C-alpha cells in the first residue's frame, strides 16, 4: 500500500472550488482535455456527490499493461461533507457494479480525500490524500509506484486547469 499527499493554494473560497469541482463541464475538460483520458462519462452529479465512469490512458510498463488490459475502466464515486469541506472518493471497478459479472479479486484499489480550508481574503488551500493498493504478488509494489507517479502528474495538470477555470468563472 502506498500513500501520497499534495497541497496547493486556490484563488477562491471553498464554496467556489466545490462549485467548479462538481460542474460536469469542468469534469469533462479535466478528464478528456487536461488528463487525456480515453473516455469520461458523468453518471450522476448532485450538490454533494458525483459518480463518473472513466477510461484512463495509461502509461504502464508492458507486463503490467498486459495484466490490467487495454480497456481498463473504473467508476469514481465521491461525496462531499460541506460542513467539513471534505470530499471522499473511491475507485469502483465495473465488475463490482454488474451483478452478472464474474466475481474477481480487485487488482488495484484507490481511495482518497480532498480537504479545502479557507485561508482568508477569498482564498483557500486544497489538500489531497491518496491511498493506492495493488494486490498482485510480485508486481504490486511496481503498480503502486506507477499509479503514484501518474497521480502526481495528474495533480499538476489539474492544478493548471483549475487555475484557468477559476479565473474564468469569476
N, C-alpha and C. Protein backbone atom coordinates (compact mmCIF):
# COMPACT_ATOMS: atom_id res chain seq x y z
N UNK A 1 0.85 -1.18 0.00
CA UNK A 1 0.00 0.00 0.00
C UNK A 1 0.89 1.24 0.00
N UNK A 2 0.48 2.22 -0.76
CA UNK A 2 1.21 3.49 -0.87
C UNK A 2 0.26 4.64 -0.59
N UNK A 3 0.80 5.70 -0.02
CA UNK A 3 0.01 6.92 0.19
C UNK A 3 0.75 8.09 -0.45
N UNK A 4 -0.02 9.09 -0.82
CA UNK A 4 0.56 10.30 -1.40
C UNK A 4 -0.28 11.48 -0.94
N UNK A 5 0.38 12.62 -0.76
CA UNK A 5 -0.30 13.84 -0.33
C UNK A 5 0.22 15.00 -1.16
N UNK A 6 -0.68 15.92 -1.47
CA UNK A 6 -0.32 17.12 -2.24
C UNK A 6 -1.20 18.26 -1.76
N UNK A 7 -0.64 19.44 -1.63
CA UNK A 7 -1.40 20.63 -1.24
C UNK A 7 -1.06 21.78 -2.17
N UNK A 8 -2.06 22.63 -2.42
CA UNK A 8 -1.80 23.85 -3.18
C UNK A 8 -2.87 24.88 -2.88
N UNK A 9 -2.51 26.15 -3.12
CA UNK A 9 -3.41 27.26 -2.83
C UNK A 9 -4.39 27.47 -3.98
N UNK A 10 -5.60 27.92 -3.61
CA UNK A 10 -6.66 28.23 -4.58
C UNK A 10 -7.00 29.71 -4.50
N UNK A 11 -7.34 30.28 -5.63
CA UNK A 11 -7.67 31.71 -5.67
C UNK A 11 -9.18 31.93 -5.49
N UNK A 12 -9.79 31.12 -4.61
CA UNK A 12 -11.22 31.24 -4.35
C UNK A 12 -11.51 30.67 -2.96
N UNK A 13 -12.66 30.99 -2.41
CA UNK A 13 -13.05 30.37 -1.14
C UNK A 13 -13.49 28.92 -1.40
N UNK A 14 -13.63 28.11 -0.36
CA UNK A 14 -14.02 26.71 -0.55
C UNK A 14 -15.27 26.52 -1.40
N UNK A 15 -16.31 27.33 -1.18
CA UNK A 15 -17.56 27.14 -1.94
C UNK A 15 -17.35 27.38 -3.44
N UNK A 16 -16.43 28.27 -3.80
CA UNK A 16 -16.11 28.50 -5.21
C UNK A 16 -15.43 27.28 -5.82
N UNK A 17 -14.55 26.66 -5.05
CA UNK A 17 -13.89 25.44 -5.52
C UNK A 17 -14.90 24.33 -5.76
N UNK A 18 -15.79 24.09 -4.79
CA UNK A 18 -16.76 23.00 -4.93
C UNK A 18 -17.72 23.24 -6.10
N UNK A 19 -18.07 24.47 -6.34
CA UNK A 19 -18.94 24.80 -7.47
C UNK A 19 -18.28 24.35 -8.79
N UNK A 20 -17.00 24.64 -8.93
CA UNK A 20 -16.27 24.24 -10.14
C UNK A 20 -16.05 22.73 -10.14
N UNK A 21 -15.62 22.16 -9.04
CA UNK A 21 -15.27 20.74 -8.96
C UNK A 21 -16.45 19.83 -9.33
N UNK A 22 -17.66 20.27 -9.00
CA UNK A 22 -18.85 19.46 -9.28
C UNK A 22 -19.51 19.80 -10.62
N UNK A 23 -18.97 20.74 -11.36
CA UNK A 23 -19.52 21.16 -12.64
C UNK A 23 -19.17 20.11 -13.71
N UNK A 24 -20.18 19.46 -14.31
CA UNK A 24 -19.89 18.43 -15.33
C UNK A 24 -19.03 18.94 -16.49
N UNK A 25 -19.16 20.19 -16.85
CA UNK A 25 -18.34 20.74 -17.93
C UNK A 25 -16.87 20.76 -17.52
N UNK A 26 -16.60 21.16 -16.28
CA UNK A 26 -15.22 21.14 -15.76
C UNK A 26 -14.69 19.71 -15.72
N UNK A 27 -15.52 18.78 -15.25
CA UNK A 27 -15.11 17.38 -15.14
C UNK A 27 -14.68 16.85 -16.51
N UNK A 28 -15.47 17.11 -17.54
CA UNK A 28 -15.10 16.65 -18.88
C UNK A 28 -13.83 17.34 -19.38
N UNK A 29 -13.70 18.64 -19.12
CA UNK A 29 -12.49 19.37 -19.53
C UNK A 29 -11.26 18.78 -18.83
N UNK A 30 -11.42 18.39 -17.57
CA UNK A 30 -10.31 17.81 -16.82
C UNK A 30 -9.92 16.45 -17.38
N UNK A 31 -10.88 15.53 -17.40
CA UNK A 31 -10.54 14.16 -17.78
C UNK A 31 -10.23 14.00 -19.26
N UNK A 32 -11.05 14.57 -20.12
CA UNK A 32 -10.86 14.38 -21.56
C UNK A 32 -9.81 15.33 -22.13
N UNK A 33 -9.71 16.53 -21.56
CA UNK A 33 -8.75 17.51 -22.06
C UNK A 33 -7.41 17.43 -21.34
N UNK A 34 -7.36 17.95 -20.14
CA UNK A 34 -6.09 18.07 -19.41
C UNK A 34 -5.42 16.72 -19.14
N UNK A 35 -6.21 15.72 -18.75
CA UNK A 35 -5.62 14.43 -18.40
C UNK A 35 -5.54 13.46 -19.57
N UNK A 36 -6.23 13.76 -20.67
CA UNK A 36 -6.14 12.93 -21.86
C UNK A 36 -6.74 11.55 -21.72
N UNK A 37 -7.76 11.38 -20.88
CA UNK A 37 -8.40 10.07 -20.74
C UNK A 37 -9.09 9.70 -22.04
N UNK A 38 -9.25 8.40 -22.27
CA UNK A 38 -9.92 7.91 -23.47
C UNK A 38 -11.42 8.18 -23.41
N UNK A 39 -12.00 8.14 -22.21
CA UNK A 39 -13.44 8.37 -22.06
C UNK A 39 -13.74 8.86 -20.66
N UNK A 40 -14.79 9.66 -20.56
CA UNK A 40 -15.28 10.14 -19.26
C UNK A 40 -16.78 10.37 -19.40
N UNK A 41 -17.54 9.66 -18.60
CA UNK A 41 -18.99 9.82 -18.60
C UNK A 41 -19.43 10.25 -17.20
N UNK A 42 -20.13 11.37 -17.13
CA UNK A 42 -20.67 11.82 -15.86
C UNK A 42 -21.98 11.06 -15.65
N UNK A 43 -21.98 10.15 -14.70
CA UNK A 43 -23.16 9.31 -14.45
C UNK A 43 -24.17 9.98 -13.55
N UNK A 44 -23.66 10.76 -12.58
CA UNK A 44 -24.55 11.40 -11.61
C UNK A 44 -23.82 12.54 -10.92
N UNK A 45 -24.51 13.65 -10.75
CA UNK A 45 -23.96 14.78 -10.00
C UNK A 45 -25.08 15.40 -9.19
N UNK A 46 -24.82 15.59 -7.91
CA UNK A 46 -25.73 16.35 -7.05
C UNK A 46 -24.89 17.46 -6.41
N UNK A 47 -25.46 18.22 -5.50
CA UNK A 47 -24.67 19.26 -4.84
C UNK A 47 -23.70 18.68 -3.81
N UNK A 48 -23.77 17.35 -3.57
CA UNK A 48 -22.84 16.76 -2.60
C UNK A 48 -22.31 15.38 -3.02
N UNK A 49 -22.50 14.99 -4.27
CA UNK A 49 -21.94 13.70 -4.71
C UNK A 49 -21.74 13.71 -6.22
N UNK A 50 -20.94 12.74 -6.65
CA UNK A 50 -20.67 12.62 -8.08
C UNK A 50 -20.23 11.20 -8.37
N UNK A 51 -20.68 10.67 -9.51
CA UNK A 51 -20.23 9.37 -10.00
C UNK A 51 -19.80 9.54 -11.45
N UNK A 52 -18.60 9.07 -11.74
CA UNK A 52 -18.04 9.14 -13.08
C UNK A 52 -17.66 7.74 -13.53
N UNK A 53 -17.71 7.50 -14.82
CA UNK A 53 -17.12 6.29 -15.41
C UNK A 53 -16.03 6.78 -16.34
N UNK A 54 -14.79 6.33 -16.08
CA UNK A 54 -13.66 6.83 -16.84
C UNK A 54 -12.80 5.69 -17.38
N UNK A 55 -12.16 5.98 -18.50
CA UNK A 55 -11.20 5.05 -19.10
C UNK A 55 -9.90 5.84 -19.24
N UNK A 56 -8.95 5.58 -18.34
CA UNK A 56 -7.70 6.34 -18.40
C UNK A 56 -6.81 5.90 -19.54
N UNK A 57 -5.98 6.82 -19.97
CA UNK A 57 -4.90 6.50 -20.91
C UNK A 57 -3.71 6.20 -20.02
N UNK A 58 -3.28 4.98 -20.00
CA UNK A 58 -2.26 4.58 -19.03
C UNK A 58 -0.88 4.47 -19.67
N UNK A 59 0.09 4.89 -18.92
CA UNK A 59 1.49 4.76 -19.31
C UNK A 59 2.12 3.73 -18.39
N UNK A 60 1.92 2.46 -18.72
CA UNK A 60 2.38 1.38 -17.86
C UNK A 60 3.47 0.56 -18.53
N UNK A 61 4.34 -0.02 -17.71
CA UNK A 61 5.29 -0.98 -18.27
C UNK A 61 4.52 -2.14 -18.92
N UNK A 62 5.04 -2.71 -19.99
CA UNK A 62 4.37 -3.76 -20.76
C UNK A 62 3.74 -4.87 -19.95
N UNK A 63 4.47 -5.51 -19.03
CA UNK A 63 3.89 -6.62 -18.28
C UNK A 63 2.67 -6.21 -17.43
N UNK A 64 2.71 -5.00 -16.89
CA UNK A 64 1.60 -4.54 -16.06
C UNK A 64 0.40 -4.22 -16.94
N UNK A 65 0.66 -3.60 -18.08
CA UNK A 65 -0.43 -3.30 -19.01
C UNK A 65 -1.11 -4.59 -19.48
N UNK A 66 -0.32 -5.65 -19.68
CA UNK A 66 -0.89 -6.93 -20.10
C UNK A 66 -1.80 -7.50 -19.01
N UNK A 67 -1.43 -7.30 -17.74
CA UNK A 67 -2.25 -7.80 -16.63
C UNK A 67 -3.56 -7.03 -16.49
N UNK A 68 -3.50 -5.71 -16.63
CA UNK A 68 -4.68 -4.88 -16.42
C UNK A 68 -5.56 -4.81 -17.67
N UNK A 69 -4.94 -4.98 -18.82
CA UNK A 69 -5.70 -4.93 -20.07
C UNK A 69 -5.76 -3.54 -20.64
N UNK A 70 -6.01 -3.48 -21.94
CA UNK A 70 -6.05 -2.21 -22.67
C UNK A 70 -7.31 -1.40 -22.36
N UNK A 71 -8.41 -2.09 -22.03
CA UNK A 71 -9.68 -1.40 -21.82
C UNK A 71 -9.99 -1.16 -20.36
N UNK A 72 -8.98 -0.99 -19.53
CA UNK A 72 -9.21 -0.77 -18.10
C UNK A 72 -10.09 0.46 -17.90
N UNK A 73 -11.18 0.27 -17.18
CA UNK A 73 -12.11 1.36 -16.87
C UNK A 73 -12.51 1.24 -15.40
N UNK A 74 -12.95 2.32 -14.84
CA UNK A 74 -13.45 2.28 -13.47
C UNK A 74 -14.44 3.41 -13.26
N UNK A 75 -15.13 3.33 -12.14
CA UNK A 75 -16.01 4.41 -11.74
C UNK A 75 -15.40 5.09 -10.53
N UNK A 76 -15.57 6.39 -10.50
CA UNK A 76 -15.11 7.23 -9.39
C UNK A 76 -16.37 7.67 -8.65
N UNK A 77 -16.52 7.23 -7.41
CA UNK A 77 -17.67 7.59 -6.59
C UNK A 77 -17.18 8.50 -5.47
N UNK A 78 -17.75 9.70 -5.38
CA UNK A 78 -17.32 10.63 -4.35
C UNK A 78 -18.48 11.35 -3.71
N UNK A 79 -18.24 11.80 -2.47
CA UNK A 79 -19.27 12.57 -1.77
C UNK A 79 -18.61 13.69 -0.97
N UNK A 80 -19.36 14.75 -0.81
CA UNK A 80 -18.87 15.97 -0.16
C UNK A 80 -19.57 16.17 1.18
N UNK A 81 -18.78 16.35 2.21
CA UNK A 81 -19.29 16.78 3.51
C UNK A 81 -19.04 18.29 3.55
N UNK A 82 -20.08 19.06 3.28
CA UNK A 82 -19.91 20.52 3.17
C UNK A 82 -19.52 21.15 4.51
N UNK A 83 -19.97 20.60 5.62
CA UNK A 83 -19.60 21.15 6.92
C UNK A 83 -18.09 21.06 7.16
N UNK A 84 -17.48 19.99 6.68
CA UNK A 84 -16.04 19.78 6.85
C UNK A 84 -15.24 20.26 5.63
N UNK A 85 -15.94 20.60 4.52
CA UNK A 85 -15.27 20.90 3.25
C UNK A 85 -14.33 19.76 2.87
N UNK A 86 -14.90 18.54 2.91
CA UNK A 86 -14.11 17.34 2.66
C UNK A 86 -14.82 16.43 1.67
N UNK A 87 -14.10 16.08 0.62
CA UNK A 87 -14.58 15.17 -0.42
C UNK A 87 -13.91 13.82 -0.20
N UNK A 88 -14.69 12.76 -0.11
CA UNK A 88 -14.12 11.42 -0.02
C UNK A 88 -14.53 10.66 -1.28
N UNK A 89 -13.61 9.91 -1.82
CA UNK A 89 -13.87 9.20 -3.05
C UNK A 89 -13.21 7.83 -3.02
N UNK A 90 -13.70 6.98 -3.93
CA UNK A 90 -13.10 5.66 -4.08
C UNK A 90 -13.28 5.20 -5.52
N UNK A 91 -12.35 4.39 -5.95
CA UNK A 91 -12.42 3.79 -7.27
C UNK A 91 -13.24 2.51 -7.16
N UNK A 92 -14.22 2.37 -8.04
CA UNK A 92 -15.04 1.16 -8.08
C UNK A 92 -14.88 0.55 -9.46
N UNK A 93 -14.43 -0.69 -9.50
CA UNK A 93 -14.24 -1.34 -10.78
C UNK A 93 -15.58 -1.83 -11.32
N UNK A 94 -15.82 -1.70 -12.62
CA UNK A 94 -17.12 -2.06 -13.19
C UNK A 94 -17.60 -3.46 -12.86
N UNK A 95 -16.68 -4.41 -12.66
CA UNK A 95 -17.11 -5.77 -12.33
C UNK A 95 -17.86 -5.81 -11.00
N UNK A 96 -17.61 -4.87 -10.12
CA UNK A 96 -18.31 -4.82 -8.84
C UNK A 96 -19.72 -4.24 -9.00
N UNK A 97 -19.97 -3.54 -10.09
CA UNK A 97 -21.25 -2.88 -10.28
C UNK A 97 -22.25 -3.74 -11.05
N UNK A 98 -21.76 -4.73 -11.78
CA UNK A 98 -22.63 -5.57 -12.60
C UNK A 98 -22.85 -6.92 -11.91
N UNK A 99 -24.08 -7.20 -11.46
CA UNK A 99 -24.33 -8.46 -10.76
C UNK A 99 -24.10 -9.69 -11.63
N UNK A 100 -24.08 -9.53 -12.96
CA UNK A 100 -23.85 -10.66 -13.87
C UNK A 100 -22.36 -10.91 -14.11
N UNK A 101 -21.52 -9.97 -13.72
CA UNK A 101 -20.09 -10.11 -13.98
C UNK A 101 -19.49 -11.23 -13.13
N UNK A 102 -18.46 -11.86 -13.68
CA UNK A 102 -17.77 -12.89 -12.92
C UNK A 102 -17.08 -12.24 -11.72
N UNK A 103 -17.24 -12.83 -10.53
CA UNK A 103 -16.54 -12.26 -9.38
C UNK A 103 -15.03 -12.33 -9.62
N UNK A 104 -14.35 -11.27 -9.29
CA UNK A 104 -12.89 -11.28 -9.41
C UNK A 104 -12.29 -10.41 -8.33
N UNK A 105 -11.12 -10.77 -7.96
CA UNK A 105 -10.42 -10.03 -6.93
C UNK A 105 -9.97 -8.68 -7.51
N UNK A 106 -10.14 -7.63 -6.73
CA UNK A 106 -9.64 -6.33 -7.17
C UNK A 106 -8.12 -6.36 -7.26
N UNK A 107 -7.61 -5.94 -8.40
CA UNK A 107 -6.17 -5.91 -8.58
C UNK A 107 -5.62 -4.61 -7.99
N UNK A 108 -6.27 -3.50 -8.31
CA UNK A 108 -5.82 -2.19 -7.84
C UNK A 108 -7.02 -1.45 -7.25
N UNK A 109 -6.84 -0.90 -6.06
CA UNK A 109 -7.88 -0.06 -5.47
C UNK A 109 -7.25 1.27 -5.07
N UNK A 110 -8.01 2.32 -5.23
CA UNK A 110 -7.57 3.64 -4.79
C UNK A 110 -8.74 4.31 -4.08
N UNK A 111 -8.39 5.15 -3.14
CA UNK A 111 -9.37 5.95 -2.41
C UNK A 111 -8.65 7.18 -1.89
N UNK A 112 -9.44 8.19 -1.54
CA UNK A 112 -8.77 9.38 -1.04
C UNK A 112 -9.72 10.43 -0.54
N UNK A 113 -9.12 11.54 -0.15
CA UNK A 113 -9.88 12.69 0.33
C UNK A 113 -9.29 13.96 -0.28
N UNK A 114 -10.16 14.94 -0.42
CA UNK A 114 -9.74 16.29 -0.77
C UNK A 114 -10.31 17.19 0.32
N UNK A 115 -9.45 17.93 0.99
CA UNK A 115 -9.89 18.87 2.01
C UNK A 115 -9.58 20.28 1.52
N UNK A 116 -10.56 21.17 1.68
CA UNK A 116 -10.36 22.56 1.28
C UNK A 116 -10.57 23.43 2.51
N UNK A 117 -9.56 24.22 2.84
CA UNK A 117 -9.57 25.05 4.03
C UNK A 117 -9.48 26.52 3.63
N UNK A 118 -10.39 27.32 4.15
CA UNK A 118 -10.33 28.77 3.88
C UNK A 118 -9.06 29.33 4.50
N UNK A 119 -8.38 30.19 3.75
CA UNK A 119 -7.16 30.82 4.27
C UNK A 119 -7.31 32.33 4.41
N UNK A 120 -8.50 32.83 4.12
CA UNK A 120 -8.77 34.26 4.27
C UNK A 120 -8.71 35.00 2.95
N UNK A 121 -9.35 36.17 2.93
CA UNK A 121 -9.36 37.06 1.76
C UNK A 121 -9.80 36.35 0.48
N UNK A 122 -10.83 35.51 0.58
CA UNK A 122 -11.35 34.84 -0.60
C UNK A 122 -10.46 33.76 -1.19
N UNK A 123 -9.55 33.24 -0.39
CA UNK A 123 -8.63 32.20 -0.86
C UNK A 123 -8.80 30.94 0.00
N UNK A 124 -8.24 29.84 -0.47
CA UNK A 124 -8.28 28.60 0.29
C UNK A 124 -7.11 27.71 -0.09
N UNK A 125 -6.98 26.61 0.61
CA UNK A 125 -5.91 25.65 0.36
C UNK A 125 -6.53 24.26 0.19
N UNK A 126 -6.14 23.59 -0.88
CA UNK A 126 -6.62 22.23 -1.16
C UNK A 126 -5.54 21.24 -0.78
N UNK A 127 -5.94 20.18 -0.06
CA UNK A 127 -5.02 19.11 0.29
C UNK A 127 -5.63 17.78 -0.14
N UNK A 128 -4.91 17.07 -0.99
CA UNK A 128 -5.34 15.75 -1.47
C UNK A 128 -4.55 14.68 -0.73
N UNK A 129 -5.25 13.64 -0.34
CA UNK A 129 -4.60 12.45 0.24
C UNK A 129 -5.09 11.25 -0.54
N UNK A 130 -4.18 10.39 -0.94
CA UNK A 130 -4.47 9.25 -1.79
C UNK A 130 -3.91 7.98 -1.17
N UNK A 131 -4.67 6.89 -1.26
CA UNK A 131 -4.20 5.57 -0.85
C UNK A 131 -4.34 4.65 -2.06
N UNK A 132 -3.26 3.99 -2.43
CA UNK A 132 -3.22 3.08 -3.56
C UNK A 132 -2.83 1.71 -3.03
N UNK A 133 -3.59 0.69 -3.42
CA UNK A 133 -3.24 -0.66 -3.00
C UNK A 133 -3.36 -1.60 -4.19
N UNK A 134 -2.27 -2.28 -4.50
CA UNK A 134 -2.25 -3.26 -5.59
C UNK A 134 -2.00 -4.63 -4.99
N UNK A 135 -2.94 -5.52 -5.18
CA UNK A 135 -2.85 -6.87 -4.59
C UNK A 135 -2.50 -7.87 -5.68
N UNK A 136 -1.27 -7.82 -6.09
CA UNK A 136 -0.81 -8.74 -7.12
C UNK A 136 0.61 -9.16 -6.77
N UNK A 137 0.77 -10.41 -6.43
CA UNK A 137 2.05 -10.91 -5.96
C UNK A 137 3.16 -10.63 -6.97
N UNK A 138 4.24 -10.09 -6.48
CA UNK A 138 5.42 -9.86 -7.30
C UNK A 138 5.49 -8.52 -8.01
N UNK A 139 4.33 -7.96 -8.37
CA UNK A 139 4.35 -6.69 -9.10
C UNK A 139 3.48 -5.62 -8.44
N UNK A 140 2.87 -5.94 -7.29
CA UNK A 140 2.01 -4.97 -6.60
C UNK A 140 2.71 -3.66 -6.30
N UNK A 141 3.93 -3.74 -5.78
CA UNK A 141 4.69 -2.53 -5.46
C UNK A 141 4.99 -1.71 -6.70
N UNK A 142 5.27 -2.37 -7.81
CA UNK A 142 5.56 -1.65 -9.06
C UNK A 142 4.29 -0.94 -9.55
N UNK A 143 3.15 -1.60 -9.46
CA UNK A 143 1.89 -1.00 -9.88
C UNK A 143 1.59 0.23 -9.00
N UNK A 144 1.79 0.09 -7.70
CA UNK A 144 1.54 1.22 -6.79
C UNK A 144 2.46 2.40 -7.11
N UNK A 145 3.73 2.11 -7.40
CA UNK A 145 4.68 3.18 -7.73
C UNK A 145 4.27 3.90 -9.01
N UNK A 146 3.86 3.14 -10.04
CA UNK A 146 3.44 3.75 -11.30
C UNK A 146 2.17 4.57 -11.07
N UNK A 147 1.22 4.02 -10.29
CA UNK A 147 -0.03 4.74 -10.02
C UNK A 147 0.24 6.04 -9.26
N UNK A 148 1.16 6.01 -8.32
CA UNK A 148 1.50 7.24 -7.59
C UNK A 148 2.12 8.27 -8.53
N UNK A 149 3.04 7.84 -9.37
CA UNK A 149 3.68 8.75 -10.32
C UNK A 149 2.65 9.38 -11.25
N UNK A 150 1.73 8.56 -11.79
CA UNK A 150 0.68 9.07 -12.67
C UNK A 150 -0.23 10.05 -11.94
N UNK A 151 -0.54 9.74 -10.67
CA UNK A 151 -1.41 10.63 -9.89
C UNK A 151 -0.74 11.97 -9.65
N UNK A 152 0.52 11.96 -9.31
CA UNK A 152 1.24 13.23 -9.09
C UNK A 152 1.27 14.07 -10.36
N UNK A 153 1.47 13.43 -11.50
CA UNK A 153 1.45 14.15 -12.77
C UNK A 153 0.05 14.70 -13.04
N UNK A 154 -0.98 13.92 -12.72
CA UNK A 154 -2.37 14.37 -12.91
C UNK A 154 -2.68 15.55 -12.01
N UNK A 155 -2.19 15.53 -10.77
CA UNK A 155 -2.42 16.66 -9.87
C UNK A 155 -1.86 17.95 -10.45
N UNK A 156 -0.68 17.88 -11.03
CA UNK A 156 -0.07 19.09 -11.62
C UNK A 156 -0.92 19.60 -12.79
N UNK A 157 -1.40 18.69 -13.63
CA UNK A 157 -2.25 19.10 -14.76
C UNK A 157 -3.58 19.66 -14.26
N UNK A 158 -4.13 19.03 -13.23
CA UNK A 158 -5.40 19.53 -12.68
C UNK A 158 -5.22 20.92 -12.08
N UNK A 159 -4.14 21.13 -11.38
CA UNK A 159 -3.88 22.45 -10.78
C UNK A 159 -3.84 23.53 -11.85
N UNK A 160 -3.18 23.26 -12.97
CA UNK A 160 -3.10 24.24 -14.07
C UNK A 160 -4.49 24.51 -14.64
N UNK A 161 -5.27 23.46 -14.90
CA UNK A 161 -6.62 23.65 -15.43
C UNK A 161 -7.49 24.39 -14.43
N UNK A 162 -7.40 24.02 -13.18
CA UNK A 162 -8.22 24.65 -12.15
C UNK A 162 -7.93 26.14 -12.02
N UNK A 163 -6.66 26.52 -12.08
CA UNK A 163 -6.31 27.95 -12.03
C UNK A 163 -6.99 28.70 -13.17
N UNK A 164 -6.92 28.14 -14.38
CA UNK A 164 -7.55 28.76 -15.53
C UNK A 164 -9.07 28.83 -15.36
N UNK A 165 -9.66 27.72 -14.91
CA UNK A 165 -11.12 27.63 -14.75
C UNK A 165 -11.61 28.61 -13.69
N UNK A 166 -10.89 28.73 -12.57
CA UNK A 166 -11.30 29.63 -11.50
C UNK A 166 -11.22 31.09 -11.96
N UNK A 167 -10.21 31.42 -12.74
CA UNK A 167 -10.06 32.78 -13.27
C UNK A 167 -11.23 33.09 -14.21
N UNK A 168 -11.60 32.13 -15.05
CA UNK A 168 -12.71 32.30 -15.99
C UNK A 168 -14.07 32.44 -15.29
N UNK A 169 -14.24 31.74 -14.18
CA UNK A 169 -15.57 31.70 -13.54
C UNK A 169 -15.81 32.85 -12.58
N UNK A 170 -14.89 33.77 -12.46
CA UNK A 170 -15.10 34.90 -11.55
C UNK A 170 -16.05 35.91 -12.12
